[in-house]
C-alpha atoms as a PDB file:
ATOM      1  CA  UNK A   1      63.364 115.324 148.290  1.00  0.00           C
ATOM      2  CA  UNK A   2      59.756 115.768 147.278  1.00  0.00           C
ATOM      3  CA  UNK A   3      58.836 117.353 143.927  1.00  0.00           C
ATOM      4  CA  UNK A   4      57.369 120.462 145.538  1.00  0.00           C
ATOM      5  CA  UNK A   5      57.331 121.090 149.237  1.00  0.00           C
ATOM      6  CA  UNK A   6      53.644 121.172 150.054  1.00  0.00           C
ATOM      7  CA  UNK A   7      52.113 120.818 153.488  1.00  0.00           C
ATOM      8  CA  UNK A   8      49.899 117.905 152.420  1.00  0.00           C
ATOM      9  CA  UNK A   9      49.748 115.458 149.533  1.00  0.00           C
ATOM     10  CA  UNK A  10      46.664 113.544 148.408  1.00  0.00           C
ATOM     11  CA  UNK A  11      46.739 109.769 148.215  1.00  0.00           C
ATOM     12  CA  UNK A  12      46.743 110.030 144.412  1.00  0.00           C
ATOM     13  CA  UNK A  13      49.809 112.276 144.422  1.00  0.00           C
ATOM     14  CA  UNK A  14      51.623 109.925 146.784  1.00  0.00           C
ATOM     15  CA  UNK A  15      50.718 106.872 144.702  1.00  0.00           C
ATOM     16  CA  UNK A  16      51.981 108.619 141.557  1.00  0.00           C
ATOM     17  CA  UNK A  17      55.278 109.529 143.253  1.00  0.00           C
ATOM     18  CA  UNK A  18      55.860 105.896 144.202  1.00  0.00           C
ATOM     19  CA  UNK A  19      54.393 104.427 140.988  1.00  0.00           C
ATOM     20  CA  UNK A  20      51.976 102.251 142.969  1.00  0.00           C
ATOM     21  CA  UNK A  21      48.201 102.071 143.268  1.00  0.00           C
ATOM     22  CA  UNK A  22      46.231 104.058 145.812  1.00  0.00           C
ATOM     23  CA  UNK A  23      44.916 100.794 147.259  1.00  0.00           C
ATOM     24  CA  UNK A  24      48.492  99.714 148.055  1.00  0.00           C
ATOM     25  CA  UNK A  25      49.089 103.016 149.872  1.00  0.00           C
ATOM     26  CA  UNK A  26      45.897 102.445 151.906  1.00  0.00           C
ATOM     27  CA  UNK A  27      46.981  98.869 152.646  1.00  0.00           C
ATOM     28  CA  UNK A  28      50.416  99.980 153.846  1.00  0.00           C
ATOM     29  CA  UNK A  29      48.714 102.606 156.025  1.00  0.00           C
ATOM     30  CA  UNK A  30      46.893  99.789 157.847  1.00  0.00           C
ATOM     31  CA  UNK A  31      50.006  97.620 158.101  1.00  0.00           C
ATOM     32  CA  UNK A  32      52.564 100.179 159.344  1.00  0.00           C
ATOM     33  CA  UNK A  33      52.093 102.203 162.519  1.00  0.00           C
ATOM     34  CA  UNK A  34      54.467 104.954 161.337  1.00  0.00           C
ATOM     35  CA  UNK A  35      51.921 106.047 158.715  1.00  0.00           C
ATOM     36  CA  UNK A  36      49.335 108.390 160.197  1.00  0.00           C
ATOM     37  CA  UNK A  37      47.890 110.584 157.444  1.00  0.00           C
ATOM     38  CA  UNK A  38      45.548 113.341 158.432  1.00  0.00           C
ATOM     39  CA  UNK A  39      41.967 113.024 157.201  1.00  0.00           C
ATOM     40  CA  UNK A  40      39.818 115.957 156.191  1.00  0.00           C
ATOM     41  CA  UNK A  41      36.096 116.327 156.888  1.00  0.00           C
ATOM     42  CA  UNK A  42      35.251 114.176 153.857  1.00  0.00           C
ATOM     43  CA  UNK A  43      37.598 111.432 155.044  1.00  0.00           C
ATOM     44  CA  UNK A  44      40.219 111.999 152.331  1.00  0.00           C
ATOM     45  CA  UNK A  45      43.755 111.145 153.388  1.00  0.00           C
ATOM     46  CA  UNK A  46      46.244 114.003 153.468  1.00  0.00           C
ATOM     47  CA  UNK A  47      49.853 112.886 153.761  1.00  0.00           C
ATOM     48  CA  UNK A  48      52.469 115.137 155.323  1.00  0.00           C
ATOM     49  CA  UNK A  49      55.989 115.201 153.821  1.00  0.00           C
ATOM     50  CA  UNK A  50      57.111 112.991 156.729  1.00  0.00           C
ATOM     51  CA  UNK A  51      54.443 110.418 155.822  1.00  0.00           C
ATOM     52  CA  UNK A  52      55.635 110.468 152.209  1.00  0.00           C
ATOM     53  CA  UNK A  53      59.230 109.858 153.316  1.00  0.00           C
ATOM     54  CA  UNK A  54      58.039 106.947 155.479  1.00  0.00           C
ATOM     55  CA  UNK A  55      56.161 105.519 152.494  1.00  0.00           C
ATOM     56  CA  UNK A  56      59.296 105.826 150.355  1.00  0.00           C
ATOM     57  CA  UNK A  57      61.203 103.920 153.024  1.00  0.00           C
ATOM     58  CA  UNK A  58      58.547 101.193 153.120  1.00  0.00           C
ATOM     59  CA  UNK A  59      58.593 101.034 149.321  1.00  0.00           C
ATOM     60  CA  UNK A  60      62.377 100.660 149.378  1.00  0.00           C
ATOM     61  CA  UNK A  61      62.219  97.784 151.857  1.00  0.00           C
ATOM     62  CA  UNK A  62      59.291  95.911 150.323  1.00  0.00           C
ATOM     63  CA  UNK A  63      59.597  96.536 146.590  1.00  0.00           C
ATOM     64  CA  UNK A  64      63.315  97.140 146.072  1.00  0.00           C
ATOM     65  CA  UNK A  65      64.912  94.959 148.735  1.00  0.00           C
ATOM     66  CA  UNK A  66      62.252  92.228 148.798  1.00  0.00           C
ATOM     67  CA  UNK A  67      61.327  92.318 152.483  1.00  0.00           C
ATOM     68  CA  UNK A  68      58.062  90.828 153.655  1.00  0.00           C
ATOM     69  CA  UNK A  69      55.722  93.226 155.439  1.00  0.00           C
ATOM     70  CA  UNK A  70      56.638  91.690 158.790  1.00  0.00           C
ATOM     71  CA  UNK A  71      60.325  91.887 157.906  1.00  0.00           C
ATOM     72  CA  UNK A  72      59.949  95.544 156.930  1.00  0.00           C
ATOM     73  CA  UNK A  73      58.128  96.295 160.206  1.00  0.00           C
ATOM     74  CA  UNK A  74      60.922  94.586 162.165  1.00  0.00           C
ATOM     75  CA  UNK A  75      63.646  96.428 160.257  1.00  0.00           C
ATOM     76  CA  UNK A  76      61.941  99.782 160.836  1.00  0.00           C
ATOM     77  CA  UNK A  77      61.524  99.098 164.546  1.00  0.00           C
ATOM     78  CA  UNK A  78      65.172  98.034 164.941  1.00  0.00           C
ATOM     79  CA  UNK A  79      66.980 100.857 163.167  1.00  0.00           C
ATOM     80  CA  UNK A  80      64.782 103.178 161.149  1.00  0.00           C
ATOM     81  CA  UNK A  81      67.543 105.762 160.627  1.00  0.00           C
ATOM     82  CA  UNK A  82      69.833 103.256 158.868  1.00  0.00           C
ATOM     83  CA  UNK A  83      67.011 102.192 156.568  1.00  0.00           C
ATOM     84  CA  UNK A  84      66.192 105.814 155.712  1.00  0.00           C
ATOM     85  CA  UNK A  85      69.850 106.517 155.011  1.00  0.00           C
ATOM     86  CA  UNK A  86      70.157 103.459 152.748  1.00  0.00           C
ATOM     87  CA  UNK A  87      66.998 104.433 150.855  1.00  0.00           C
ATOM     88  CA  UNK A  88      68.382 107.950 150.348  1.00  0.00           C
ATOM     89  CA  UNK A  89      71.635 106.536 148.951  1.00  0.00           C
ATOM     90  CA  UNK A  90      69.732 104.280 146.536  1.00  0.00           C
ATOM     91  CA  UNK A  91      67.592 107.229 145.435  1.00  0.00           C
ATOM     92  CA  UNK A  92      70.685 109.377 144.825  1.00  0.00           C
ATOM     93  CA  UNK A  93      72.336 106.618 142.818  1.00  0.00           C
ATOM     94  CA  UNK A  94      69.214 106.235 140.668  1.00  0.00           C
ATOM     95  CA  UNK A  95      69.246 109.968 139.921  1.00  0.00           C
ATOM     96  CA  UNK A  96      72.941 109.859 139.005  1.00  0.00           C
ATOM     97  CA  UNK A  97      72.363 106.861 136.758  1.00  0.00           C
ATOM     98  CA  UNK A  98      69.445 108.593 135.045  1.00  0.00           C
ATOM     99  CA  UNK A  99      71.579 111.690 134.460  1.00  0.00           C
ATOM    100  CA  UNK A 100      74.433 109.618 133.004  1.00  0.00           C
ATOM    101  CA  UNK A 101      72.075 107.685 130.709  1.00  0.00           C
ATOM    102  CA  UNK A 102      70.584 110.966 129.465  1.00  0.00           C
ATOM    103  CA  UNK A 103      74.080 112.376 128.945  1.00  0.00           C
ATOM    104  CA  UNK A 104      75.125 109.274 127.002  1.00  0.00           C
ATOM    105  CA  UNK A 105      72.055 109.525 124.775  1.00  0.00           C
ATOM    106  CA  UNK A 106      72.851 113.154 123.952  1.00  0.00           C
ATOM    107  CA  UNK A 107      76.366 112.308 122.758  1.00  0.00           C
END
């Protein structure tokens, strides 16, 4: 789930959500066909919530699971839904862990 459901997110907002640089987001845009951000008249990228979810999936494959870019492309082309589901489970587990750590610190 995104922090606030907006229609479009800037590249800076997306990079902050993923804790990566804007140049990495631009690089992944070139490398993965599933990323098609809209561009305004000035050429600024505007990412839809679907684009952000795709970026989170790519981040999960490349940064968390250690896939190469080619491996991530292959995995997404084979069974994208399974990858998205696995990324969602990992995200949920991270949130639960964070909650439990905070709860432990309060005791």
